[in-house]
Every structure is written in structure tokens, then in C-alpha cells.
C-alpha atoms as a PDB file:
ATOM      1  CA  MET A   1     -44.385  27.167  35.535  1.00  0.00           C
ATOM      2  CA  THR A   2     -43.364  25.112  32.481  1.00  0.00           C
ATOM      3  CA  SER A   3     -46.165  22.937  31.097  1.00  0.00           C
ATOM      4  CA  THR A   4     -45.316  19.309  30.426  1.00  0.00           C
ATOM      5  CA  THR A   5     -46.437  16.411  28.273  1.00  0.00           C
ATOM      6  CA  TYR A   6     -45.386  12.813  27.761  1.00  0.00           C
ATOM      7  CA  PHE A   7     -42.684  11.444  25.500  1.00  0.00           C
ATOM      8  CA  GLY A   8     -43.400   7.772  25.988  1.00  0.00           C
ATOM      9  CA  PHE A   9     -43.546   7.333  29.752  1.00  0.00           C
ATOM     10  CA  LYS A  10     -41.251  10.294  30.387  1.00  0.00           C
ATOM     11  CA  GLU A  11     -42.696  13.645  31.387  1.00  0.00           C
ATOM     12  CA  VAL A  12     -40.989  16.378  29.372  1.00  0.00           C
ATOM     13  CA  PRO A  13     -41.510  20.101  28.719  1.00  0.00           C
ATOM     14  CA  VAL A  14     -44.119  20.653  25.998  1.00  0.00           C
ATOM     15  CA  ASP A  15     -41.618  22.569  23.893  1.00  0.00           C
ATOM     16  CA  ASP A  16     -39.245  19.579  23.847  1.00  0.00           C
ATOM     17  CA  LYS A  17     -41.583  16.873  22.552  1.00  0.00           C
ATOM     18  CA  GLN A  18     -41.495  17.762  18.862  1.00  0.00           C
ATOM     19  CA  ARG A  19     -37.683  17.750  18.901  1.00  0.00           C
ATOM     20  CA  LEU A  20     -37.555  14.413  20.715  1.00  0.00           C
ATOM     21  CA  VAL A  21     -40.047  12.761  18.362  1.00  0.00           C
ATOM     22  CA  GLY A  22     -38.145  14.218  15.425  1.00  0.00           C
ATOM     23  CA  GLY A  23     -35.006  12.572  16.710  1.00  0.00           C
ATOM     24  CA  VAL A  24     -36.738   9.203  16.809  1.00  0.00           C
ATOM     25  CA  PHE A  25     -37.840   9.423  13.180  1.00  0.00           C
ATOM     26  CA  ASP A  26     -34.512  10.834  12.001  1.00  0.00           C
ATOM     27  CA  ALA A  27     -32.910   7.744  13.476  1.00  0.00           C
ATOM     28  CA  VAL A  28     -35.274   5.181  11.946  1.00  0.00           C
ATOM     29  CA  ALA A  29     -36.233   6.808   8.612  1.00  0.00           C
ATOM     30  CA  SER A  30     -34.010   4.652   6.399  1.00  0.00           C
ATOM     31  CA  ARG A  31     -35.340   1.422   7.936  1.00  0.00           C
ATOM     32  CA  TYR A  32     -38.857   2.560   8.788  1.00  0.00           C
ATOM     33  CA  ASP A  33     -40.741   0.400   6.263  1.00  0.00           C
ATOM     34  CA  LEU A  34     -38.568  -2.652   6.944  1.00  0.00           C
ATOM     35  CA  MET A  35     -39.168  -2.342  10.680  1.00  0.00           C
ATOM     36  CA  ASN A  36     -42.921  -2.007  10.151  1.00  0.00           C
ATOM     37  CA  ASP A  37     -42.868  -5.404   8.422  1.00  0.00           C
ATOM     38  CA  VAL A  38     -40.649  -6.968  11.061  1.00  0.00           C
ATOM     39  CA  LEU A  39     -42.450  -5.664  14.131  1.00  0.00           C
ATOM     40  CA  SER A  40     -45.987  -6.301  12.887  1.00  0.00           C
ATOM     41  CA  GLY A  41     -45.243  -9.546  11.069  1.00  0.00           C
ATOM     42  CA  GLY A  42     -46.619  -7.840   7.972  1.00  0.00           C
ATOM     43  CA  MET A  43     -49.933  -7.077   9.665  1.00  0.00           C
ATOM     44  CA  HIS A  44     -49.547  -3.340   9.066  1.00  0.00           C
ATOM     45  CA  ARG A  45     -50.121  -4.041   5.363  1.00  0.00           C
ATOM     46  CA  LEU A  46     -53.507  -5.614   6.100  1.00  0.00           C
ATOM     47  CA  TRP A  47     -54.431  -2.778   8.478  1.00  0.00           C
ATOM     48  CA  LYS A  48     -53.563  -0.132   5.887  1.00  0.00           C
ATOM     49  CA  ALA A  49     -55.487  -2.039   3.215  1.00  0.00           C
ATOM     50  CA  ALA A  50     -58.504  -2.064   5.539  1.00  0.00           C
ATOM     51  CA  MET A  51     -58.173   1.698   5.974  1.00  0.00           C
ATOM     52  CA  VAL A  52     -58.123   2.282   2.223  1.00  0.00           C
ATOM     53  CA  ASP A  53     -61.055  -0.135   1.822  1.00  0.00           C
ATOM     54  CA  TRP A  54     -63.093   1.950   4.262  1.00  0.00           C
ATOM     55  CA  LEU A  55     -62.229   5.134   2.376  1.00  0.00           C
ATOM     56  CA  ARG A  56     -63.455   3.628  -0.924  1.00  0.00           C
ATOM     57  CA  PRO A  57     -61.420   6.097  -3.016  1.00  0.00           C
ATOM     58  CA  ARG A  58     -62.677   7.175  -6.407  1.00  0.00           C
ATOM     59  CA  PRO A  59     -60.888   8.812  -9.339  1.00  0.00           C
ATOM     60  CA  GLY A  60     -60.563  12.556  -8.878  1.00  0.00           C
ATOM     61  CA  LEU A  61     -60.109  12.318  -5.111  1.00  0.00           C
ATOM     62  CA  LYS A  62     -58.183  15.165  -3.501  1.00  0.00           C
ATOM     63  CA  MET A  63     -56.549  13.770  -0.361  1.00  0.00           C
ATOM     64  CA  ILE A  64     -53.956  14.662   2.241  1.00  0.00           C
ATOM     65  CA  ASP A  65     -51.953  11.944   3.975  1.00  0.00           C
ATOM     66  CA  VAL A  66     -50.624  13.515   7.176  1.00  0.00           C
ATOM     67  CA  ALA A  67     -47.521  12.117   8.882  1.00  0.00           C
ATOM     68  CA  GLY A  68     -47.263  10.031   5.717  1.00  0.00           C
ATOM     69  CA  GLY A  69     -43.546  10.494   5.097  1.00  0.00           C
ATOM     70  CA  THR A  70     -42.761   7.265   3.229  1.00  0.00           C
ATOM     71  CA  GLY A  71     -45.904   7.569   1.114  1.00  0.00           C
ATOM     72  CA  ASP A  72     -47.247   4.118   1.954  1.00  0.00           C
ATOM     73  CA  ILE A  73     -50.897   5.145   2.295  1.00  0.00           C
ATOM     74  CA  ALA A  74     -50.698   7.565  -0.645  1.00  0.00           C
ATOM     75  CA  SER A  75     -49.280   4.846  -2.904  1.00  0.00           C
ATOM     76  CA  ARG A  76     -52.044   2.454  -1.921  1.00  0.00           C
ATOM     77  CA  VAL A  77     -54.748   5.001  -2.696  1.00  0.00           C
ATOM     78  CA  LEU A  78     -53.157   5.843  -6.047  1.00  0.00           C
ATOM     79  CA  ALA A  79     -53.064   2.148  -6.949  1.00  0.00           C
ATOM     80  CA  ARG A  80     -56.803   1.859  -6.251  1.00  0.00           C
ATOM     81  CA  VAL A  81     -57.736   4.769  -8.535  1.00  0.00           C
ATOM     82  CA  LYS A  82     -55.095   4.072 -11.208  1.00  0.00           C
ATOM     83  CA  ALA A  83     -53.192   7.241 -10.280  1.00  0.00           C
ATOM     84  CA  GLN A  84     -56.260   9.416 -10.950  1.00  0.00           C
ATOM     85  CA  ALA A  85     -56.107  11.381  -7.721  1.00  0.00           C
ATOM     86  CA  GLU A  86     -54.463  14.480  -6.317  1.00  0.00           C
ATOM     87  CA  ILE A  87     -52.563  13.461  -3.204  1.00  0.00           C
ATOM     88  CA  THR A  88     -50.472  15.496  -0.804  1.00  0.00           C
ATOM     89  CA  VAL A  89     -48.159  13.725   1.636  1.00  0.00           C
ATOM     90  CA  CYS A  90     -47.408  15.999   4.574  1.00  0.00           C
ATOM     91  CA  ASP A  91     -44.802  15.186   7.200  1.00  0.00           C
ATOM     92  CA  ILE A  92     -42.838  17.277   9.660  1.00  0.00           C
ATOM     93  CA  ASN A  93     -39.737  15.108   9.230  1.00  0.00           C
ATOM     94  CA  PHE A  94     -37.564  15.822   6.175  1.00  0.00           C
ATOM     95  CA  ASN A  95     -35.793  12.463   6.366  1.00  0.00           C
ATOM     96  CA  MET A  96     -39.096  10.622   6.160  1.00  0.00           C
ATOM     97  CA  LEU A  97     -40.143  12.705   3.146  1.00  0.00           C
ATOM     98  CA  THR A  98     -36.812  11.918   1.501  1.00  0.00           C
ATOM     99  CA  GLN A  99     -37.435   8.211   1.945  1.00  0.00           C
ATOM    100  CA  GLY A 100     -40.920   8.648   0.487  1.00  0.00           C
ATOM    101  CA  ARG A 101     -39.598  10.372  -2.634  1.00  0.00           C
ATOM    102  CA  LYS A 102     -37.061   7.575  -3.109  1.00  0.00           C
ATOM    103  CA  ARG A 103     -39.740   4.945  -2.685  1.00  0.00           C
ATOM    104  CA  ALA A 104     -42.197   6.474  -5.149  1.00  0.00           C
ATOM    105  CA  PRO A 105     -40.173   8.281  -7.841  1.00  0.00           C
ATOM    106  CA  GLY A 106     -42.371   9.898 -10.444  1.00  0.00           C
ATOM    107  CA  ALA A 107     -45.593   9.240  -8.532  1.00  0.00           C
ATOM    108  CA  PRO A 108     -48.219  12.020  -8.758  1.00  0.00           C
ATOM    109  CA  ILE A 109     -47.678  12.970  -5.135  1.00  0.00           C
ATOM    110  CA  HIS A 110     -47.040  16.434  -3.728  1.00  0.00           C
ATOM    111  CA  TRP A 111     -44.497  16.109  -0.918  1.00  0.00           C
ATOM    112  CA  LEU A 112     -45.049  18.784   1.710  1.00  0.00           C
ATOM    113  CA  ALA A 113     -43.100  19.566   4.879  1.00  0.00           C
ATOM    114  CA  GLY A 114     -45.517  20.597   7.589  1.00  0.00           C
ATOM    115  CA  ASP A 115     -46.781  20.133  11.131  1.00  0.00           C
ATOM    116  CA  ALA A 116     -50.064  18.269  11.721  1.00  0.00           C
ATOM    117  CA  GLN A 117     -50.892  20.936  14.302  1.00  0.00           C
ATOM    118  CA  ASN A 118     -50.460  23.785  11.789  1.00  0.00           C
ATOM    119  CA  LEU A 119     -50.954  22.443   8.286  1.00  0.00           C
ATOM    120  CA  PRO A 120     -49.671  24.695   5.487  1.00  0.00           C
ATOM    121  CA  CYS A 121     -52.924  24.200   3.584  1.00  0.00           C
ATOM    122  CA  LEU A 122     -55.965  26.306   2.814  1.00  0.00           C
ATOM    123  CA  ASP A 123     -59.304  25.817   4.547  1.00  0.00           C
ATOM    124  CA  ARG A 124     -61.636  23.276   2.916  1.00  0.00           C
ATOM    125  CA  SER A 125     -58.970  21.974   0.544  1.00  0.00           C
ATOM    126  CA  PHE A 126     -59.397  18.183   0.635  1.00  0.00           C
ATOM    127  CA  ASP A 127     -62.011  15.472   0.144  1.00  0.00           C
ATOM    128  CA  ALA A 128     -60.205  13.136   2.530  1.00  0.00           C
ATOM    129  CA  TYR A 129     -57.690  13.374   5.365  1.00  0.00           C
ATOM    130  CA  MET A 130     -55.815  10.217   6.329  1.00  0.00           C
ATOM    131  CA  ILE A 131     -53.232   9.658   9.022  1.00  0.00           C
ATOM    132  CA  ALA A 132     -51.686   6.290   9.881  1.00  0.00           C
ATOM    133  CA  PHE A 133     -49.626   5.703  13.022  1.00  0.00           C
ATOM    134  CA  GLY A 134     -48.817   9.381  13.329  1.00  0.00           C
ATOM    135  CA  ILE A 135     -51.299  11.209  15.501  1.00  0.00           C
ATOM    136  CA  ARG A 136     -50.051   9.758  18.779  1.00  0.00           C
ATOM    137  CA  ASN A 137     -46.713  11.488  18.116  1.00  0.00           C
ATOM    138  CA  VAL A 138     -48.065  15.031  17.966  1.00  0.00           C
ATOM    139  CA  THR A 139     -47.820  17.197  21.049  1.00  0.00           C
ATOM    140  CA  HIS A 140     -51.441  18.361  21.042  1.00  0.00           C
ATOM    141  CA  ILE A 141     -53.793  15.775  19.547  1.00  0.00           C
ATOM    142  CA  ASP A 142     -56.806  18.057  19.932  1.00  0.00           C
ATOM    143  CA  ILE A 143     -55.159  20.769  17.840  1.00  0.00           C
ATOM    144  CA  ALA A 144     -54.219  18.252  15.127  1.00  0.00           C
ATOM    145  CA  LEU A 145     -57.842  17.079  14.990  1.00  0.00           C
ATOM    146  CA  ARG A 146     -59.109  20.629  14.620  1.00  0.00           C
ATOM    147  CA  GLU A 147     -56.623  21.152  11.797  1.00  0.00           C
ATOM    148  CA  ALA A 148     -57.956  18.027  10.098  1.00  0.00           C
ATOM    149  CA  TYR A 149     -61.452  19.463  10.315  1.00  0.00           C
ATOM    150  CA  ARG A 150     -60.277  22.833   8.979  1.00  0.00           C
ATOM    151  CA  VAL A 151     -58.643  21.514   5.808  1.00  0.00           C
ATOM    152  CA  LEU A 152     -61.498  19.177   4.854  1.00  0.00           C
ATOM    153  CA  LYS A 153     -64.262  20.250   2.516  1.00  0.00           C
ATOM    154  CA  PRO A 154     -67.867  19.954   3.758  1.00  0.00           C
ATOM    155  CA  GLY A 155     -68.706  16.287   3.292  1.00  0.00           C
ATOM    156  CA  GLY A 156     -65.019  15.390   3.636  1.00  0.00           C
ATOM    157  CA  ARG A 157     -63.843  12.227   5.368  1.00  0.00           C
ATOM    158  CA  PHE A 158     -61.380  11.848   8.251  1.00  0.00           C
ATOM    159  CA  LEU A 159     -59.723   8.456   8.726  1.00  0.00           C
ATOM    160  CA  CYS A 160     -57.093   7.610  11.329  1.00  0.00           C
ATOM    161  CA  LEU A 161     -55.294   4.289  11.735  1.00  0.00           C
ATOM    162  CA  GLU A 162     -53.511   4.045  15.057  1.00  0.00           C
ATOM    163  CA  PHE A 163     -52.385   1.558  17.661  1.00  0.00           C
ATOM    164  CA  SER A 164     -55.055   1.241  20.311  1.00  0.00           C
ATOM    165  CA  ALA A 165     -56.158  -0.625  23.428  1.00  0.00           C
ATOM    166  CA  VAL A 166     -56.284  -4.409  23.158  1.00  0.00           C
ATOM    167  CA  GLU A 167     -59.801  -5.650  23.908  1.00  0.00           C
ATOM    168  CA  MET A 168     -59.373  -9.394  23.318  1.00  0.00           C
ATOM    169  CA  PRO A 169     -58.996 -11.233  26.653  1.00  0.00           C
ATOM    170  CA  GLY A 170     -55.545 -12.771  27.024  1.00  0.00           C
ATOM    171  CA  LEU A 171     -54.089 -10.994  24.021  1.00  0.00           C
ATOM    172  CA  ASP A 172     -53.305  -7.960  26.143  1.00  0.00           C
ATOM    173  CA  ILE A 173     -50.853  -9.951  28.299  1.00  0.00           C
ATOM    174  CA  LEU A 174     -49.045 -11.407  25.288  1.00  0.00           C
ATOM    175  CA  TYR A 175     -48.968  -8.008  23.616  1.00  0.00           C
ATOM    176  CA  ASP A 176     -47.395  -6.377  26.669  1.00  0.00           C
ATOM    177  CA  LEU A 177     -44.685  -9.030  26.764  1.00  0.00           C
ATOM    178  CA  TYR A 178     -43.997  -8.540  23.075  1.00  0.00           C
ATOM    179  CA  SER A 179     -44.046  -4.740  23.275  1.00  0.00           C
ATOM    180  CA  PHE A 180     -41.709  -4.275  26.213  1.00  0.00           C
ATOM    181  CA  LYS A 181     -39.394  -7.261  25.802  1.00  0.00           C
ATOM    182  CA  LEU A 182     -39.139  -8.303  22.158  1.00  0.00           C
ATOM    183  CA  MET A 183     -39.920  -5.052  20.306  1.00  0.00           C
ATOM    184  CA  PRO A 184     -37.007  -3.033  21.771  1.00  0.00           C
ATOM    185  CA  LEU A 185     -34.678  -6.000  21.178  1.00  0.00           C
ATOM    186  CA  LEU A 186     -35.690  -6.219  17.512  1.00  0.00           C
ATOM    187  CA  GLY A 187     -35.276  -2.460  17.277  1.00  0.00           C
ATOM    188  CA  GLU A 188     -31.717  -2.806  18.546  1.00  0.00           C
ATOM    189  CA  VAL A 189     -30.734  -5.801  16.406  1.00  0.00           C
ATOM    190  CA  ILE A 190     -32.420  -4.881  13.109  1.00  0.00           C
ATOM    191  CA  GLY A 191     -33.161  -1.182  13.395  1.00  0.00           C
ATOM    192  CA  ALA A 192     -29.963  -0.304  15.289  1.00  0.00           C
ATOM    193  CA  ASN A 193     -31.959   1.812  17.723  1.00  0.00           C
ATOM    194  CA  ARG A 194     -33.395   0.235  20.857  1.00  0.00           C
ATOM    195  CA  GLU A 195     -34.530   3.539  22.349  1.00  0.00           C
ATOM    196  CA  ALA A 196     -36.725   4.425  19.369  1.00  0.00           C
ATOM    197  CA  TYR A 197     -38.715   1.216  19.697  1.00  0.00           C
ATOM    198  CA  GLN A 198     -38.903   1.487  23.459  1.00  0.00           C
ATOM    199  CA  TYR A 199     -40.529   4.873  22.818  1.00  0.00           C
ATOM    200  CA  LEU A 200     -42.892   3.231  20.312  1.00  0.00           C
ATOM    201  CA  ALA A 201     -44.149   0.748  22.908  1.00  0.00           C
ATOM    202  CA  GLU A 202     -44.553   3.447  25.547  1.00  0.00           C
ATOM    203  CA  SER A 203     -46.277   5.931  23.219  1.00  0.00           C
ATOM    204  CA  ILE A 204     -48.876   3.303  22.289  1.00  0.00           C
ATOM    205  CA  ARG A 205     -49.775   2.827  25.955  1.00  0.00           C
ATOM    206  CA  GLN A 206     -50.096   6.579  26.482  1.00  0.00           C
ATOM    207  CA  PHE A 207     -52.510   7.047  23.563  1.00  0.00           C
ATOM    208  CA  PRO A 208     -56.243   7.358  24.373  1.00  0.00           C
ATOM    209  CA  ASP A 209     -58.297   4.190  24.002  1.00  0.00           C
ATOM    210  CA  GLN A 210     -60.834   3.749  21.210  1.00  0.00           C
ATOM    211  CA  ARG A 211     -63.792   5.373  22.950  1.00  0.00           C
ATOM    212  CA  LYS A 212     -61.874   8.311  24.357  1.00  0.00           C
ATOM    213  CA  PHE A 213     -60.248   9.031  21.008  1.00  0.00           C
ATOM    214  CA  ALA A 214     -63.648   8.844  19.288  1.00  0.00           C
ATOM    215  CA  GLY A 215     -64.856  11.463  21.761  1.00  0.00           C
ATOM    216  CA  MET A 216     -61.912  13.709  20.919  1.00  0.00           C
ATOM    217  CA  ILE A 217     -62.730  13.438  17.209  1.00  0.00           C
ATOM    218  CA  ALA A 218     -66.335  14.428  17.914  1.00  0.00           C
ATOM    219  CA  ASP A 219     -65.152  17.335  20.075  1.00  0.00           C
ATOM    220  CA  ALA A 220     -63.159  18.617  17.071  1.00  0.00           C
ATOM    221  CA  GLY A 221     -66.440  18.976  15.188  1.00  0.00           C
ATOM    222  CA  PHE A 222     -66.714  15.720  13.262  1.00  0.00           C
ATOM    223  CA  SER A 223     -70.019  13.901  12.837  1.00  0.00           C
ATOM    224  CA  GLN A 224     -70.906  10.197  12.533  1.00  0.00           C
ATOM    225  CA  VAL A 225     -67.731   9.239  14.413  1.00  0.00           C
ATOM    226  CA  SER A 226     -67.119   5.506  14.530  1.00  0.00           C
ATOM    227  CA  TYR A 227     -64.260   3.039  14.776  1.00  0.00           C
ATOM    228  CA  ARG A 228     -63.317  -0.494  13.836  1.00  0.00           C
ATOM    229  CA  ASN A 229     -60.944  -2.661  15.840  1.00  0.00           C
ATOM    230  CA  LEU A 230     -58.230  -4.606  14.049  1.00  0.00           C
ATOM    231  CA  THR A 231     -56.520  -7.704  15.438  1.00  0.00           C
ATOM    232  CA  GLY A 232     -58.325  -7.611  18.766  1.00  0.00           C
ATOM    233  CA  GLY A 233     -57.770  -3.890  19.239  1.00  0.00           C
ATOM    234  CA  ILE A 234     -53.999  -3.828  18.697  1.00  0.00           C
ATOM    235  CA  ALA A 235     -54.891  -1.227  16.097  1.00  0.00           C
ATOM    236  CA  ALA A 236     -58.100   0.643  15.287  1.00  0.00           C
ATOM    237  CA  ILE A 237     -59.413   2.782  12.459  1.00  0.00           C
ATOM    238  CA  HIS A 238     -61.443   5.844  13.427  1.00  0.00           C
ATOM    239  CA  SER A 239     -63.721   7.622  10.975  1.00  0.00           C
ATOM    240  CA  GLY A 240     -65.497  10.972  11.024  1.00  0.00           C
ATOM    241  CA  TRP A 241     -67.187  13.312   8.582  1.00  0.00           C
ATOM    242  CA  ARG A 242     -67.087  17.075   8.223  1.00  0.00           C
ATOM    243  CA  ILE A 243     -70.626  18.334   7.650  1.00  0.00           C
END
């Protein structure tokens, strides 16, 4: 019997999900950063800044930014430490990596093609592992979390920024209306791909809520797991430490 998983609200064979997600990002790569600004009203910039604030990067940091194709998080960290860091951006999608290289020419970033569920990196290689709006797209979140643990040094930090479950009363209703009515329309008009942004809305609803995801991070071996809600829970940052 073929095992299945979810691609948005659709149940699909496990072996098909990576290809389907890849198709989404192939389609939106050239307009990915523009659409982030449009769809979040620029809020994603504040959320990412909050993530970097919580990391408190210092010169000499060795970090991997997973699913970081356009290099947005990597560039922010480099700006904080005046480019005195060793940063790897790893993404499974070549088109996203291409956009990242174009966006940050000459930046001290190592661009690496790889799967979050099977990182082409040595054990205990990094001081920090960051992933922003990427982990909900992997087929097996638990495997990706174990990989994060594997590649971190003892004392290393895991940080994940992801859409989450709205916890502010009333905001959830407005957010549903926006997600399922306006977001796909904007995706069609500006991003020229309605289906990709329909998937975005659906994939957010399928992702574990804050507490469940925190439990998954702890199950992967991380200690001192905690999270911070952003904008009423529209997004959340989760943190954990490898001991």
C-alpha cells in the first residue's frame, strides 16, 4: 500500500510531495521576495529581524540557513556581524539558489544544493541552524529536525520561523478570509500563479500548531525548547539547543 502525505489539503503519495513542492518554488522563484512583501505587507521583514535578534549573532559564527534560497536570512546575519561569519545557504531548489546568488553577488555565502531531510554536511558542523518559512514544505518534518540536531555542534542553536496558529481572538477569522480569498488572487495578479499561493494558504493550515511543533523539536533531541508568537500567532519563532 502506498503511503501518503499532504500537499496543501490534497492527499498525495509521499514520493510525489518533493516534486510538487519543487514545482511551486520553480514557478515563484523570480518573484519570491516581491511576493513576500506584498502578501505580508512587509511584516516578514520584521519577523525575520526578530529571528536574527533572538539569535544574537557574533563575529566568527558558523551558520547554516536551510531552505534559504534567496539568502534573505543569511544577508541579515552578515549585516549584523559586518560579514565576519561563515554562512552556508542550503536549498533543494536550484532556481531559488540562483535568485539568491543574483541578490547577493560577492557575499561571503556558500550556496549549497541539498535536502533538509538529508543535509550534505558533516556532523557537528555549525554553531547555528536557521530555517525560515521552509520546514512546513518538507515531506518528513521529524527527519528534518533530526538532521538539524545532527549538523549542530554541542551548544549549537536551532531557530525556526514559520507560519503558525493564530491565537488572537477575532484575528483568526480575518486571517482565514485573507488567506483563502485575497492571497490566491494576489498570487494570480502579481505572482502570475494562483495555485502556488493557494498551496501556501493550505500548507500553513496543515502545519502543527506552536505547542505540537515545540514537542516535535524536543523529540528530535533539543533542550530548552521555547517559542515566541509574532503578530498574534500568524507566525512564530521556535528555539532549541543541542546539548
